[in-house]
Amino acid sequence: FEESMISSKQYANPIQDVQVTVTITDPLGKRKEVEAFWDGFSVWKFRYMPRVLGPHTFTVKCSDASNPGLNAPGDRFVAVEYHGDNELARHGPIVLSENRRYFQHADGTPFFLVSDTAWNGALLSDDEEWVRYLKERKAQKFNTIQFVTTQWRAAYTDAEGQTAFKGIDEISINPSFFQRLDKRFAALNEQGFVGLPVLLWALTSAKRESPGEVLPREQAALLARYIVARYDAYDVLWFLGGDGDYRGDKAERWMYLGREVFPPSRKTNLVSLHPRGMQNPWPGLVNEPWLDFLNYQTGHGSSGQKWKWNATEGTASGWKLEPTRPVFDSEPNYENHTSYDKKVIDAYDVRRASWYSLLIAPPAGITYGAHGVWP
């Protein structure tokens, strides 16, 4: 469900100046909050994925009480049953299994994550290329796609030269960047894929473009909340951070971000962080209420040290942590990538890394990456 609203006032920097909260009540009387997002000029929107059939009511409240366009006393919509042939829409969003070790659809159908890595795919493809890529991966039995949602160290802009935001100490949002990205999210679900987007890439270059690393934590939270407000109504799993170091003293920043971006009153889809190669941040984060699944970057190598880590750390240790969470390898050896020891990773090393990750733990999924695809 999507609703548009017209603001009665203009704001210099809408994402900084006001917050618009929508409270939705489902037929069972359960309340859910979602944030509305600014979509350019005077237009604001909110999106919501109903989890219950029947009539829903909603109210809209703006932090600026003097703006009648963004303060609505109430309206309603009706959620109806889906009758198409899209398996994802038929079985519903991805949730945790009862024992919290695996993924499943909302109707209980098991979901074994088989993810491809297209970090730059949504940014640098055109509309036709993205759909053609998805159809190819669907034929190959993938069901999830990993990608990045803002500028980062491997794509300073999208294919049209746009960035998601500008500024560091005080960011401003570029709605046209996200209007283009809207088509990528919609195509994912239309083709039956679950999205696995990165909100805040956390490894940057000298150009200081990656938001997870360079933005002050309050601004990073504001950016991530905007993206979640825009896309949480789609079938997605979230990576709050991408390629970050979340250990030790750095954990506090990500604890703050997780709690700020995914408070219980607004949280819908499952959330994790994508770590750096051969790092295990989870022992310091296991008690975070927003953290739903654990994943590891077993990395791009062919040395004895890499294989030992792949076999004895990562998923091999993560599945034993309490509380129990699903585990999977989100970045094993990428095919044709240059390894840490300067060798080209071949198909054998891809299979070896994947089988290690699948056989040493109760796995919730596996990931593939091709060096000719992700950039």
Protein backbone atom coordinates (compact mmCIF):
# COMPACT_ATOMS: atom_id res chain seq x y z
CA PHE A 1 0.00 0.00 0.00
CA GLU A 2 1.32 3.44 -0.96
CA GLU A 3 -0.17 6.84 -0.13
CA SER A 4 0.98 10.28 -1.27
CA MET A 5 0.55 13.51 0.67
CA ILE A 6 1.20 17.13 -0.26
CA SER A 7 2.95 19.25 2.30
CA SER A 8 1.37 22.63 3.01
CA LYS A 9 4.81 24.10 3.70
CA GLN A 10 8.22 24.12 2.04
CA TYR A 11 11.30 23.12 4.04
CA ALA A 12 14.90 24.01 3.29
CA ASN A 13 16.06 20.45 4.01
CA PRO A 14 13.03 18.22 4.58
CA ILE A 15 14.94 15.19 5.86
CA GLN A 16 16.51 17.36 8.56
CA ASP A 17 13.62 19.70 9.32
CA VAL A 18 10.63 17.43 9.90
CA GLN A 19 9.67 13.85 10.65
CA VAL A 20 6.37 12.34 9.49
CA THR A 21 5.11 9.24 11.32
CA VAL A 22 2.22 7.05 10.16
CA THR A 23 0.45 4.81 12.68
CA ILE A 24 -1.36 1.88 11.10
CA THR A 25 -3.88 -0.29 12.93
CA ASP A 26 -4.57 -3.73 11.45
CA PRO A 27 -7.85 -5.72 11.71
CA LEU A 28 -6.57 -7.44 14.87
CA GLY A 29 -6.04 -4.09 16.59
CA LYS A 30 -2.25 -4.26 16.40
CA ARG A 31 -0.52 -0.93 15.78
CA LYS A 32 2.53 -0.40 13.61
CA GLU A 33 4.55 2.75 12.93
CA VAL A 34 6.17 3.57 9.61
CA GLU A 35 7.97 6.72 8.58
CA ALA A 36 6.87 8.71 5.57
CA PHE A 37 9.61 9.87 3.20
CA TRP A 38 10.11 13.05 1.20
CA ASP A 39 9.89 12.39 -2.56
CA GLY A 40 10.76 15.83 -3.92
CA PHE A 41 9.07 19.24 -4.07
CA SER A 42 6.05 19.10 -1.70
CA VAL A 43 5.40 15.36 -2.11
CA TRP A 44 5.64 12.93 0.81
CA LYS A 45 4.76 9.23 0.67
CA PHE A 46 4.52 6.22 2.89
CA ARG A 47 4.58 2.53 1.97
CA TYR A 48 3.37 -0.42 3.99
CA MET A 49 3.23 -4.18 3.49
CA PRO A 50 0.16 -5.59 5.27
CA ARG A 51 0.70 -8.88 7.08
CA VAL A 52 -3.00 -9.38 7.88
CA LEU A 53 -6.00 -9.47 5.50
CA GLY A 54 -8.84 -7.01 5.93
CA PRO A 55 -9.46 -3.31 6.67
CA HIS A 56 -6.62 -1.19 8.07
CA THR A 57 -6.82 2.37 9.38
CA PHE A 58 -4.01 4.91 9.57
CA THR A 59 -3.25 8.37 10.93
CA VAL A 60 -0.45 10.72 9.85
CA LYS A 61 1.40 12.99 12.25
CA CYS A 62 4.13 15.50 11.43
CA SER A 63 6.62 16.91 13.91
CA ASP A 64 5.51 20.31 12.57
CA ALA A 65 1.99 20.55 13.96
CA SER A 66 1.30 23.66 11.88
CA ASN A 67 1.45 21.73 8.58
CA PRO A 68 -2.10 20.49 7.79
CA GLY A 69 -0.97 18.61 4.68
CA LEU A 70 1.15 16.24 6.77
CA ASN A 71 -1.22 15.84 9.71
CA ALA A 72 -4.15 13.60 8.76
CA PRO A 73 -6.70 12.44 11.36
CA GLY A 74 -7.38 9.10 9.67
CA ASP A 75 -8.09 7.05 6.57
CA ARG A 76 -8.35 3.37 5.63
CA PHE A 77 -7.37 0.71 3.10
CA VAL A 78 -8.19 -2.98 2.71
CA ALA A 79 -5.60 -5.77 2.32
CA VAL A 80 -6.80 -8.54 0.01
CA GLU A 81 -5.45 -12.00 -0.75
CA TYR A 82 -2.95 -12.48 -3.59
CA HIS A 83 -3.96 -14.94 -6.34
CA GLY A 84 -1.07 -14.73 -8.84
CA ASP A 85 1.77 -17.13 -9.65
CA ASN A 86 4.61 -15.21 -7.97
CA GLU A 87 5.90 -17.67 -5.34
CA LEU A 88 7.29 -14.89 -3.17
CA ALA A 89 3.97 -13.04 -3.09
CA ARG A 90 2.05 -16.29 -2.53
CA HIS A 91 4.10 -17.43 0.47
CA GLY A 92 4.81 -14.05 2.00
CA PRO A 93 7.81 -12.18 3.47
CA ILE A 94 10.86 -13.84 4.99
CA VAL A 95 10.77 -14.45 8.75
CA LEU A 96 12.66 -16.60 11.24
CA SER A 97 11.77 -20.24 11.78
CA GLU A 98 10.33 -21.22 15.14
CA ASN A 99 13.74 -22.46 16.36
CA ARG A 100 15.38 -19.24 15.01
CA ARG A 101 17.96 -21.21 13.02
CA TYR A 102 16.56 -20.90 9.50
CA PHE A 103 14.56 -18.58 7.26
CA GLN A 104 11.03 -19.27 6.14
CA HIS A 105 8.16 -17.46 4.44
CA ALA A 106 5.36 -15.98 6.53
CA ASP A 107 3.14 -18.96 5.70
CA GLY A 108 5.77 -21.41 7.04
CA THR A 109 7.25 -22.47 3.68
CA PRO A 110 11.03 -23.03 4.12
CA PHE A 111 13.35 -20.50 2.48
CA PHE A 112 16.96 -21.55 1.88
CA LEU A 113 18.78 -18.37 0.87
CA VAL A 114 20.74 -18.72 -2.40
CA SER A 115 22.12 -15.26 -3.01
CA ASP A 116 24.04 -13.66 -5.86
CA THR A 117 26.24 -10.62 -5.33
CA ALA A 118 25.48 -7.63 -7.55
CA TRP A 119 26.84 -4.86 -5.36
CA ASN A 120 26.75 -2.27 -8.18
CA GLY A 121 23.92 -3.87 -10.12
CA ALA A 122 21.07 -1.62 -9.03
CA LEU A 123 23.25 1.50 -9.37
CA LEU A 124 24.94 0.99 -12.73
CA SER A 125 22.41 -1.03 -14.77
CA ASP A 126 19.66 0.43 -16.88
CA ASP A 127 16.09 -0.85 -16.56
CA GLU A 128 16.42 -3.53 -19.26
CA GLU A 129 19.81 -4.78 -18.05
CA TRP A 130 18.56 -5.23 -14.49
CA VAL A 131 15.52 -7.27 -15.54
CA ARG A 132 17.63 -9.35 -17.95
CA TYR A 133 20.10 -10.09 -15.15
CA LEU A 134 17.30 -11.09 -12.77
CA LYS A 135 15.73 -13.43 -15.32
CA GLU A 136 19.10 -15.13 -15.86
CA ARG A 137 19.67 -15.60 -12.13
CA LYS A 138 16.10 -16.84 -11.67
CA ALA A 139 16.69 -19.53 -14.31
CA GLN A 140 19.83 -20.52 -12.34
CA LYS A 141 17.70 -20.95 -9.17
CA PHE A 142 18.98 -17.98 -7.17
CA ASN A 143 16.37 -16.39 -4.91
CA THR A 144 18.16 -13.42 -3.27
CA ILE A 145 20.28 -10.53 -4.60
CA GLN A 146 22.84 -8.51 -2.59
CA PHE A 147 23.33 -4.89 -3.70
CA VAL A 148 24.28 -1.40 -2.47
CA THR A 149 21.78 1.48 -2.23
CA THR A 150 24.00 4.60 -2.14
CA GLN A 151 27.29 5.79 -3.59
CA TRP A 152 30.24 3.80 -2.23
CA ARG A 153 33.91 3.04 -2.88
CA ALA A 154 33.19 1.06 -6.06
CA ALA A 155 30.54 3.39 -7.53
CA TYR A 156 30.88 7.10 -6.77
CA THR A 157 27.57 7.75 -8.58
CA ASP A 158 24.82 5.80 -10.29
CA ALA A 159 24.74 5.33 -14.08
CA GLU A 160 23.26 8.82 -14.52
CA GLY A 161 25.87 10.56 -12.39
CA GLN A 162 23.57 10.99 -9.40
CA THR A 163 24.33 10.41 -5.73
CA ALA A 164 21.90 9.40 -3.01
CA PHE A 165 22.91 12.25 -0.73
CA LYS A 166 25.24 15.21 -0.42
CA GLY A 167 27.09 16.55 2.58
CA ILE A 168 28.67 14.98 5.65
CA ASP A 169 27.96 17.04 8.77
CA GLU A 170 24.43 17.71 7.48
CA ILE A 171 23.24 15.59 4.58
CA SER A 172 20.56 16.36 2.02
CA ILE A 173 18.70 13.67 0.05
CA ASN A 174 18.39 13.45 -3.74
CA PRO A 175 14.90 12.02 -4.41
CA SER A 176 15.55 11.44 -8.13
CA PHE A 177 18.35 8.99 -7.25
CA PHE A 178 15.88 6.94 -5.23
CA GLN A 179 13.06 7.26 -7.77
CA ARG A 180 15.40 5.45 -10.18
CA LEU A 181 16.22 2.87 -7.48
CA ASP A 182 12.48 2.30 -6.90
CA LYS A 183 12.36 0.42 -10.21
CA ARG A 184 15.15 -1.93 -9.10
CA PHE A 185 13.39 -2.88 -5.85
CA ALA A 186 10.08 -3.38 -7.64
CA ALA A 187 11.67 -5.55 -10.35
CA LEU A 188 13.34 -7.75 -7.73
CA ASN A 189 10.06 -8.71 -6.09
CA GLU A 190 8.21 -8.91 -9.42
CA GLN A 191 10.76 -11.52 -10.56
CA GLY A 192 10.34 -13.42 -7.28
CA PHE A 193 13.59 -12.32 -5.61
CA VAL A 194 14.17 -11.24 -2.04
CA GLY A 195 16.40 -8.16 -1.92
CA LEU A 196 19.43 -8.03 0.38
CA PRO A 197 20.39 -4.34 0.21
CA VAL A 198 23.21 -2.58 2.07
CA LEU A 199 22.11 0.65 3.75
CA LEU A 200 25.50 2.07 4.83
CA TRP A 201 28.65 0.80 3.14
CA ALA A 202 31.33 1.05 5.81
CA LEU A 203 34.65 0.84 3.95
CA THR A 204 35.61 3.98 2.05
CA SER A 205 38.33 5.40 -0.19
CA ALA A 206 40.29 8.65 -0.09
CA LYS A 207 37.22 10.31 -1.63
CA ARG A 208 35.27 9.61 1.58
CA GLU A 209 32.12 8.53 -0.23
CA SER A 210 30.88 5.56 1.80
CA PRO A 211 28.28 6.70 4.37
CA GLY A 212 28.81 4.01 6.98
CA GLU A 213 32.39 5.14 7.51
CA VAL A 214 32.35 8.94 7.08
CA LEU A 215 28.98 10.27 8.23
CA PRO A 216 28.47 11.28 11.88
CA ARG A 217 26.35 8.63 13.48
CA GLU A 218 23.25 10.85 13.69
CA GLN A 219 23.45 11.64 9.96
CA ALA A 220 24.16 8.00 9.09
CA ALA A 221 21.03 7.03 11.04
CA LEU A 222 18.98 9.67 9.22
CA LEU A 223 20.11 8.35 5.82
CA ALA A 224 19.44 4.72 6.76
CA ARG A 225 16.01 5.58 8.17
CA TYR A 226 15.12 7.32 4.91
CA ILE A 227 16.06 4.25 2.85
CA VAL A 228 14.18 1.92 5.20
CA ALA A 229 11.11 4.18 5.09
CA ARG A 230 11.22 4.00 1.31
CA TYR A 231 11.81 0.25 0.88
CA ASP A 232 10.78 -1.65 3.99
CA ALA A 233 7.42 -2.43 2.36
CA TYR A 234 9.25 -4.62 -0.17
CA ASP A 235 10.39 -8.20 0.45
CA VAL A 236 13.92 -7.56 1.71
CA LEU A 237 16.46 -8.57 4.29
CA TRP A 238 18.62 -5.65 5.43
CA PHE A 239 22.37 -5.25 5.76
CA LEU A 240 22.61 -2.18 8.02
CA GLY A 241 26.35 -1.96 7.27
CA GLY A 242 28.49 -3.27 4.43
CA ASP A 243 32.12 -4.43 4.69
CA GLY A 244 32.50 -2.80 8.09
CA ASP A 245 34.59 -3.50 11.16
CA TYR A 246 32.02 -3.82 13.93
CA ARG A 247 34.32 -5.11 16.67
CA GLY A 248 35.64 -3.62 19.90
CA ASP A 249 35.28 0.13 20.25
CA LYS A 250 33.61 0.35 16.83
CA ALA A 251 30.69 -1.78 17.97
CA GLU A 252 29.13 1.09 19.92
CA ARG A 253 28.50 3.10 16.73
CA TRP A 254 26.64 0.19 15.13
CA MET A 255 24.67 -0.57 18.28
CA TYR A 256 23.45 3.02 18.20
CA LEU A 257 22.63 2.82 14.49
CA GLY A 258 20.75 -0.46 14.83
CA ARG A 259 18.61 0.81 17.68
CA GLU A 260 17.93 4.15 15.99
CA VAL A 261 17.08 2.76 12.55
CA PHE A 262 15.18 -0.36 13.69
CA PRO A 263 13.29 0.39 16.93
CA PRO A 264 10.71 -2.26 17.89
CA SER A 265 7.77 0.00 17.03
CA ARG A 266 8.92 0.34 13.38
CA LYS A 267 10.87 -2.84 12.66
CA THR A 268 9.42 -5.09 9.94
CA ASN A 269 12.05 -7.04 7.98
CA LEU A 270 15.04 -9.01 9.28
CA VAL A 271 18.37 -7.21 9.83
CA SER A 272 22.08 -7.95 10.05
CA LEU A 273 25.49 -6.42 9.25
CA HIS A 274 27.86 -7.54 6.47
CA PRO A 275 31.37 -7.89 8.02
CA ARG A 276 34.86 -7.54 6.56
CA GLY A 277 36.86 -10.53 5.45
CA MET A 278 37.66 -13.15 8.09
CA GLN A 279 36.25 -11.04 10.93
CA ASN A 280 33.80 -12.22 13.60
CA PRO A 281 31.97 -9.25 15.19
CA TRP A 282 29.04 -11.22 16.56
CA PRO A 283 30.15 -12.11 20.12
CA GLY A 284 30.01 -8.40 20.96
CA LEU A 285 26.63 -7.86 19.32
CA VAL A 286 24.61 -10.97 20.17
CA ASN A 287 22.35 -9.16 22.62
CA GLU A 288 21.29 -6.41 20.20
CA PRO A 289 17.48 -6.57 19.82
CA TRP A 290 17.52 -5.56 16.13
CA LEU A 291 20.02 -8.27 15.06
CA ASP A 292 18.18 -11.21 13.42
CA PHE A 293 20.77 -13.28 11.51
CA LEU A 294 24.56 -13.76 11.38
CA ASN A 295 26.67 -13.81 8.25
CA TYR A 296 30.37 -13.92 7.48
CA GLN A 297 32.73 -12.83 4.76
CA THR A 298 34.98 -15.88 4.60
CA GLY A 299 36.88 -13.88 2.03
CA HIS A 300 38.85 -14.26 -1.15
CA GLY A 301 41.82 -16.52 -0.60
CA SER A 302 43.49 -19.81 -1.30
CA SER A 303 46.09 -19.93 1.49
CA GLY A 304 46.19 -22.35 4.40
CA GLN A 305 45.27 -19.52 6.76
CA LYS A 306 42.10 -18.74 4.77
CA TRP A 307 41.00 -22.38 4.57
CA LYS A 308 41.58 -22.87 8.29
CA TRP A 309 39.43 -19.81 9.09
CA ASN A 310 36.80 -20.97 6.62
CA ALA A 311 36.65 -24.39 8.28
CA THR A 312 36.90 -23.48 11.97
CA GLU A 313 35.64 -19.88 12.34
CA GLY A 314 32.76 -17.99 10.69
CA THR A 315 29.65 -20.11 10.41
CA ALA A 316 31.46 -22.92 12.27
CA SER A 317 31.42 -20.79 15.41
CA GLY A 318 28.45 -18.51 14.78
CA TRP A 319 25.78 -21.20 14.89
CA LYS A 320 26.79 -21.99 18.48
CA LEU A 321 26.17 -18.45 19.75
CA GLU A 322 23.16 -17.69 21.92
CA PRO A 323 20.51 -16.48 21.32
CA THR A 324 20.26 -18.76 18.27
CA ARG A 325 20.21 -17.07 14.88
CA PRO A 326 20.45 -18.21 11.25
CA VAL A 327 23.99 -18.26 9.86
CA PHE A 328 25.34 -18.17 6.30
CA ASP A 329 28.40 -17.13 4.31
CA SER A 330 27.57 -13.83 2.61
CA GLU A 331 30.91 -13.43 0.82
CA PRO A 332 32.90 -16.56 0.01
CA ASN A 333 35.51 -16.68 -2.76
CA TYR A 334 34.36 -14.69 -5.79
CA GLU A 335 34.92 -16.50 -9.07
CA ASN A 336 37.79 -14.94 -11.12
CA HIS A 337 38.62 -12.50 -8.31
CA THR A 338 42.29 -12.09 -7.39
CA SER A 339 42.91 -13.77 -4.04
CA TYR A 340 44.76 -12.33 -1.07
CA ASP A 341 47.84 -14.26 -2.22
CA LYS A 342 47.63 -12.86 -5.80
CA LYS A 343 46.13 -15.92 -7.49
CA VAL A 344 43.02 -15.96 -9.63
CA ILE A 345 40.19 -17.76 -7.82
CA ASP A 346 38.94 -20.59 -10.00
CA ALA A 347 35.74 -22.67 -9.92
CA TYR A 348 37.34 -25.25 -7.61
CA ASP A 349 38.13 -22.64 -4.96
CA VAL A 350 34.59 -21.27 -5.24
CA ARG A 351 33.11 -24.73 -4.64
CA ARG A 352 35.55 -25.51 -1.83
CA ALA A 353 34.66 -22.32 0.04
CA SER A 354 30.94 -22.93 -0.46
CA TRP A 355 31.04 -26.53 0.70
CA TYR A 356 33.05 -25.59 3.80
CA SER A 357 30.40 -23.05 4.71
CA LEU A 358 27.54 -25.46 4.03
CA LEU A 359 28.90 -28.49 5.87
CA ILE A 360 30.35 -27.04 9.09
CA ALA A 361 27.10 -25.57 10.46
CA PRO A 362 23.32 -25.81 10.14
CA PRO A 363 23.30 -23.33 7.23
CA ALA A 364 20.48 -20.93 6.40
CA GLY A 365 21.89 -20.22 2.95
CA ILE A 366 24.89 -19.65 0.73
CA THR A 367 26.16 -16.81 -1.48
CA TYR A 368 27.90 -16.64 -4.84
CA GLY A 369 29.90 -13.81 -6.38
CA ALA A 370 31.45 -13.35 -9.82
CA HIS A 371 34.21 -10.80 -10.37
CA GLY A 372 32.67 -9.91 -13.73
CA VAL A 373 29.24 -9.22 -12.21
CA TRP A 374 29.48 -7.45 -8.84
CA PRO A 375 31.29 -4.28 -10.10
